[in-house]
N, C-alpha and C. Protein backbone atom coordinates (compact mmCIF):
# COMPACT_ATOMS: atom_id res chain seq x y z
N MET A 1 28.98 0.10 -5.92
CA MET A 1 28.53 -0.02 -4.55
C MET A 1 27.88 1.27 -4.02
N PRO A 2 28.28 2.47 -4.48
CA PRO A 2 27.63 3.68 -3.97
C PRO A 2 26.15 3.73 -4.35
N GLU A 3 25.80 3.12 -5.50
CA GLU A 3 24.39 3.09 -5.89
C GLU A 3 23.57 2.27 -4.91
N LEU A 4 24.13 1.16 -4.46
CA LEU A 4 23.44 0.31 -3.49
C LEU A 4 23.30 1.02 -2.14
N GLU A 5 24.31 1.75 -1.74
CA GLU A 5 24.23 2.50 -0.48
C GLU A 5 23.19 3.61 -0.57
N ALA A 6 23.12 4.28 -1.71
CA ALA A 6 22.10 5.32 -1.89
C ALA A 6 20.71 4.71 -1.88
N LEU A 7 20.55 3.57 -2.53
CA LEU A 7 19.27 2.88 -2.54
C LEU A 7 18.84 2.50 -1.13
N THR A 8 19.76 1.94 -0.38
CA THR A 8 19.48 1.56 1.01
C THR A 8 19.07 2.77 1.84
N GLY A 9 19.76 3.87 1.67
CA GLY A 9 19.42 5.09 2.41
C GLY A 9 18.04 5.61 2.06
N HIS A 10 17.68 5.57 0.79
CA HIS A 10 16.36 6.05 0.38
C HIS A 10 15.25 5.14 0.89
N VAL A 11 15.48 3.85 0.84
CA VAL A 11 14.46 2.92 1.34
C VAL A 11 14.27 3.10 2.84
N ARG A 12 15.35 3.25 3.57
CA ARG A 12 15.23 3.48 5.02
C ARG A 12 14.53 4.81 5.33
N ALA A 13 14.85 5.84 4.56
CA ALA A 13 14.20 7.14 4.77
C ALA A 13 12.71 7.05 4.48
N PHE A 14 12.33 6.30 3.46
CA PHE A 14 10.91 6.11 3.16
C PHE A 14 10.23 5.35 4.29
N GLY A 15 10.89 4.34 4.81
CA GLY A 15 10.34 3.58 5.93
C GLY A 15 10.11 4.43 7.16
N LYS A 16 10.98 5.40 7.38
CA LYS A 16 10.83 6.29 8.54
C LYS A 16 9.63 7.22 8.41
N THR A 17 9.15 7.46 7.18
CA THR A 17 7.96 8.30 7.01
C THR A 17 6.68 7.51 7.20
N LEU A 18 6.76 6.19 7.13
CA LEU A 18 5.56 5.37 7.22
C LEU A 18 4.98 5.30 8.62
N THR A 19 5.78 4.96 9.59
CA THR A 19 5.28 4.71 10.94
C THR A 19 4.79 5.96 11.66
N PRO A 20 5.54 7.06 11.68
CA PRO A 20 5.05 8.23 12.42
C PRO A 20 4.10 9.13 11.63
N LEU A 21 3.60 8.64 10.48
CA LEU A 21 2.66 9.40 9.65
C LEU A 21 3.21 10.77 9.25
N GLN A 22 4.33 10.76 8.56
CA GLN A 22 4.98 11.99 8.10
C GLN A 22 4.87 12.12 6.58
N GLY A 23 3.64 12.12 6.09
CA GLY A 23 3.41 12.22 4.65
C GLY A 23 3.87 13.53 4.05
N ASP A 24 3.97 14.56 4.89
CA ASP A 24 4.43 15.86 4.38
C ASP A 24 5.89 15.82 3.94
N GLN A 25 6.64 14.81 4.35
CA GLN A 25 8.04 14.66 3.95
C GLN A 25 8.20 13.96 2.61
N LEU A 26 7.11 13.45 2.06
CA LEU A 26 7.19 12.68 0.82
C LEU A 26 7.75 13.46 -0.37
N PRO A 27 7.34 14.71 -0.61
CA PRO A 27 7.93 15.43 -1.75
C PRO A 27 9.45 15.61 -1.63
N HIS A 28 9.95 15.81 -0.40
CA HIS A 28 11.40 15.94 -0.20
C HIS A 28 12.10 14.61 -0.52
N TRP A 29 11.46 13.51 -0.11
CA TRP A 29 12.04 12.20 -0.37
C TRP A 29 12.07 11.93 -1.88
N ILE A 30 11.00 12.26 -2.56
CA ILE A 30 10.93 12.06 -4.01
C ILE A 30 12.01 12.88 -4.72
N LYS A 31 12.19 14.10 -4.27
CA LYS A 31 13.21 14.98 -4.87
C LYS A 31 14.61 14.38 -4.67
N ALA A 32 14.87 13.83 -3.49
CA ALA A 32 16.17 13.22 -3.22
C ALA A 32 16.40 11.99 -4.09
N VAL A 33 15.35 11.18 -4.28
CA VAL A 33 15.47 9.98 -5.12
C VAL A 33 15.72 10.39 -6.56
N ARG A 34 15.01 11.40 -7.04
CA ARG A 34 15.20 11.87 -8.42
C ARG A 34 16.62 12.42 -8.63
N ALA A 35 17.18 13.04 -7.59
CA ALA A 35 18.54 13.60 -7.70
C ALA A 35 19.57 12.49 -7.87
N ASP A 36 19.35 11.34 -7.25
CA ASP A 36 20.30 10.23 -7.37
C ASP A 36 20.07 9.41 -8.63
N ASP A 37 18.92 9.55 -9.28
CA ASP A 37 18.60 8.84 -10.52
C ASP A 37 18.85 7.34 -10.40
N LEU A 38 18.13 6.73 -9.47
CA LEU A 38 18.24 5.29 -9.27
C LEU A 38 17.15 4.58 -10.08
N PRO A 39 17.53 3.79 -11.07
CA PRO A 39 16.52 3.13 -11.91
C PRO A 39 15.58 2.22 -11.12
N SER A 40 16.10 1.62 -10.06
CA SER A 40 15.28 0.68 -9.29
C SER A 40 14.17 1.39 -8.51
N LEU A 41 14.33 2.67 -8.21
CA LEU A 41 13.29 3.42 -7.50
C LEU A 41 12.50 4.34 -8.42
N ARG A 42 12.95 4.51 -9.64
CA ARG A 42 12.29 5.45 -10.56
C ARG A 42 10.83 5.06 -10.81
N THR A 43 10.57 3.78 -11.06
CA THR A 43 9.21 3.33 -11.32
C THR A 43 8.33 3.52 -10.09
N PHE A 44 8.88 3.24 -8.92
CA PHE A 44 8.13 3.41 -7.68
C PHE A 44 7.76 4.88 -7.47
N VAL A 45 8.70 5.76 -7.68
CA VAL A 45 8.45 7.20 -7.52
C VAL A 45 7.43 7.70 -8.55
N ASN A 46 7.53 7.19 -9.78
CA ASN A 46 6.55 7.57 -10.80
C ASN A 46 5.14 7.17 -10.37
N GLY A 47 5.01 5.99 -9.79
CA GLY A 47 3.71 5.54 -9.30
C GLY A 47 3.20 6.40 -8.16
N LEU A 48 4.09 6.80 -7.27
CA LEU A 48 3.69 7.68 -6.17
C LEU A 48 3.21 9.03 -6.68
N GLU A 49 3.92 9.54 -7.67
CA GLU A 49 3.57 10.87 -8.19
C GLU A 49 2.27 10.88 -8.99
N ARG A 50 1.88 9.72 -9.53
CA ARG A 50 0.63 9.67 -10.27
C ARG A 50 -0.56 10.04 -9.41
N ASP A 51 -0.51 9.66 -8.15
CA ASP A 51 -1.60 10.01 -7.23
C ASP A 51 -1.02 10.50 -5.91
N LEU A 52 -0.23 11.54 -6.02
CA LEU A 52 0.52 12.06 -4.87
C LEU A 52 -0.39 12.51 -3.73
N ALA A 53 -1.52 13.12 -4.06
CA ALA A 53 -2.43 13.59 -3.01
C ALA A 53 -2.96 12.43 -2.17
N ALA A 54 -3.34 11.34 -2.82
CA ALA A 54 -3.85 10.18 -2.08
C ALA A 54 -2.75 9.51 -1.25
N VAL A 55 -1.57 9.40 -1.81
CA VAL A 55 -0.46 8.78 -1.08
C VAL A 55 -0.08 9.64 0.13
N THR A 56 -0.03 10.94 -0.06
CA THR A 56 0.28 11.85 1.05
C THR A 56 -0.78 11.75 2.14
N ALA A 57 -2.05 11.70 1.74
CA ALA A 57 -3.12 11.56 2.73
C ALA A 57 -3.00 10.23 3.47
N GLY A 58 -2.68 9.17 2.74
CA GLY A 58 -2.52 7.87 3.38
C GLY A 58 -1.36 7.82 4.36
N LEU A 59 -0.32 8.60 4.09
CA LEU A 59 0.84 8.63 4.98
C LEU A 59 0.72 9.70 6.07
N THR A 60 -0.36 10.47 6.05
CA THR A 60 -0.50 11.56 7.01
C THR A 60 -1.68 11.34 7.96
N LEU A 61 -2.80 10.91 7.42
CA LEU A 61 -4.02 10.79 8.22
C LEU A 61 -4.02 9.51 9.05
N PRO A 62 -4.63 9.54 10.22
CA PRO A 62 -4.61 8.38 11.11
C PRO A 62 -5.62 7.30 10.75
N TRP A 63 -6.48 7.52 9.78
CA TRP A 63 -7.52 6.55 9.46
C TRP A 63 -6.97 5.42 8.62
N SER A 64 -7.61 4.25 8.76
CA SER A 64 -7.17 3.07 8.04
C SER A 64 -8.39 2.29 7.55
N SER A 65 -8.29 1.69 6.39
CA SER A 65 -9.36 0.85 5.88
C SER A 65 -9.03 -0.63 6.10
N GLY A 66 -8.15 -0.90 7.04
CA GLY A 66 -7.72 -2.27 7.30
C GLY A 66 -8.84 -3.20 7.69
N VAL A 67 -9.78 -2.73 8.50
CA VAL A 67 -10.90 -3.57 8.95
C VAL A 67 -11.77 -3.94 7.75
N VAL A 68 -12.08 -2.97 6.91
CA VAL A 68 -12.90 -3.23 5.73
C VAL A 68 -12.18 -4.21 4.81
N GLU A 69 -10.89 -4.00 4.59
CA GLU A 69 -10.13 -4.90 3.73
C GLU A 69 -10.11 -6.31 4.29
N GLY A 70 -10.09 -6.44 5.61
CA GLY A 70 -10.14 -7.76 6.23
C GLY A 70 -11.45 -8.48 5.94
N HIS A 71 -12.56 -7.74 6.01
CA HIS A 71 -13.86 -8.33 5.70
C HIS A 71 -13.96 -8.72 4.23
N VAL A 72 -13.46 -7.88 3.35
CA VAL A 72 -13.47 -8.18 1.92
C VAL A 72 -12.65 -9.44 1.65
N ASN A 73 -11.49 -9.55 2.29
CA ASN A 73 -10.64 -10.72 2.13
C ASN A 73 -11.35 -11.98 2.61
N ARG A 74 -12.06 -11.88 3.74
CA ARG A 74 -12.79 -13.02 4.30
C ARG A 74 -13.90 -13.46 3.33
N ILE A 75 -14.64 -12.51 2.78
CA ILE A 75 -15.72 -12.83 1.85
C ILE A 75 -15.16 -13.48 0.58
N LYS A 76 -14.05 -12.97 0.08
CA LYS A 76 -13.44 -13.56 -1.11
C LYS A 76 -12.98 -15.00 -0.83
N MET A 77 -12.47 -15.25 0.37
CA MET A 77 -12.03 -16.60 0.72
C MET A 77 -13.23 -17.55 0.74
N ILE A 78 -14.34 -17.12 1.33
CA ILE A 78 -15.54 -17.95 1.35
C ILE A 78 -16.03 -18.21 -0.07
N LYS A 79 -15.99 -17.19 -0.91
CA LYS A 79 -16.42 -17.34 -2.30
C LYS A 79 -15.55 -18.37 -3.03
N ARG A 80 -14.23 -18.31 -2.81
CA ARG A 80 -13.33 -19.29 -3.45
C ARG A 80 -13.60 -20.70 -2.93
N GLN A 81 -13.87 -20.83 -1.63
CA GLN A 81 -14.14 -22.15 -1.06
C GLN A 81 -15.43 -22.74 -1.62
N MET A 82 -16.41 -21.89 -1.89
CA MET A 82 -17.71 -22.36 -2.31
C MET A 82 -17.87 -22.43 -3.83
N TYR A 83 -16.86 -22.05 -4.58
CA TYR A 83 -16.97 -21.96 -6.03
C TYR A 83 -17.44 -23.28 -6.64
N GLY A 84 -18.55 -23.23 -7.37
CA GLY A 84 -19.06 -24.40 -8.07
C GLY A 84 -19.79 -25.39 -7.20
N ARG A 85 -19.95 -25.12 -5.92
CA ARG A 85 -20.56 -26.09 -5.02
C ARG A 85 -22.02 -25.80 -4.71
N ALA A 86 -22.40 -24.55 -4.80
CA ALA A 86 -23.76 -24.21 -4.40
C ALA A 86 -24.20 -22.96 -5.15
N GLY A 87 -25.46 -22.66 -5.02
CA GLY A 87 -25.98 -21.44 -5.61
C GLY A 87 -25.62 -20.25 -4.73
N PHE A 88 -26.39 -19.22 -4.80
CA PHE A 88 -26.10 -18.00 -4.05
C PHE A 88 -26.47 -18.11 -2.57
N ASP A 89 -27.46 -18.93 -2.23
CA ASP A 89 -28.00 -18.97 -0.86
C ASP A 89 -26.98 -19.47 0.17
N LEU A 90 -26.27 -20.54 -0.11
CA LEU A 90 -25.32 -21.08 0.88
C LEU A 90 -24.15 -20.13 1.15
N PRO A 91 -23.47 -19.58 0.14
CA PRO A 91 -22.42 -18.60 0.45
C PRO A 91 -22.96 -17.38 1.19
N ARG A 92 -24.16 -16.94 0.85
CA ARG A 92 -24.78 -15.81 1.54
C ARG A 92 -24.95 -16.12 3.02
N LYS A 93 -25.42 -17.30 3.34
CA LYS A 93 -25.59 -17.70 4.75
C LYS A 93 -24.24 -17.75 5.46
N ARG A 94 -23.22 -18.28 4.78
CA ARG A 94 -21.90 -18.37 5.41
C ARG A 94 -21.33 -16.99 5.71
N VAL A 95 -21.55 -16.05 4.79
CA VAL A 95 -21.04 -14.70 4.99
C VAL A 95 -21.78 -14.02 6.13
N LEU A 96 -23.10 -14.15 6.16
CA LEU A 96 -23.89 -13.47 7.18
C LEU A 96 -23.72 -14.09 8.55
N LEU A 97 -23.49 -15.38 8.64
CA LEU A 97 -23.37 -16.05 9.93
C LEU A 97 -21.94 -16.03 10.48
N ALA A 98 -20.98 -15.77 9.65
CA ALA A 98 -19.58 -15.80 10.09
C ALA A 98 -19.21 -14.60 10.93
């Protein structure tokens, strides 16, 4: 049970760094997770460390690519709806007119 409590504490601590944009706290969090040696978080921490600079920037800077991702998602949905039904012209019109 202490492993589950440690896991819960680490997940909550990570969540607290997300909302107020406290990416500078990420190395301390990673160090704490490594100290507890939790297998369930080890893979996640390894992934974070692979591109630590980008993750820290994403958790620190106020900019977001959410709007762009929304447009990409919308275009992919139109593409899936139109698959096999028309050539390039009809999906192009739907994307441009939407």
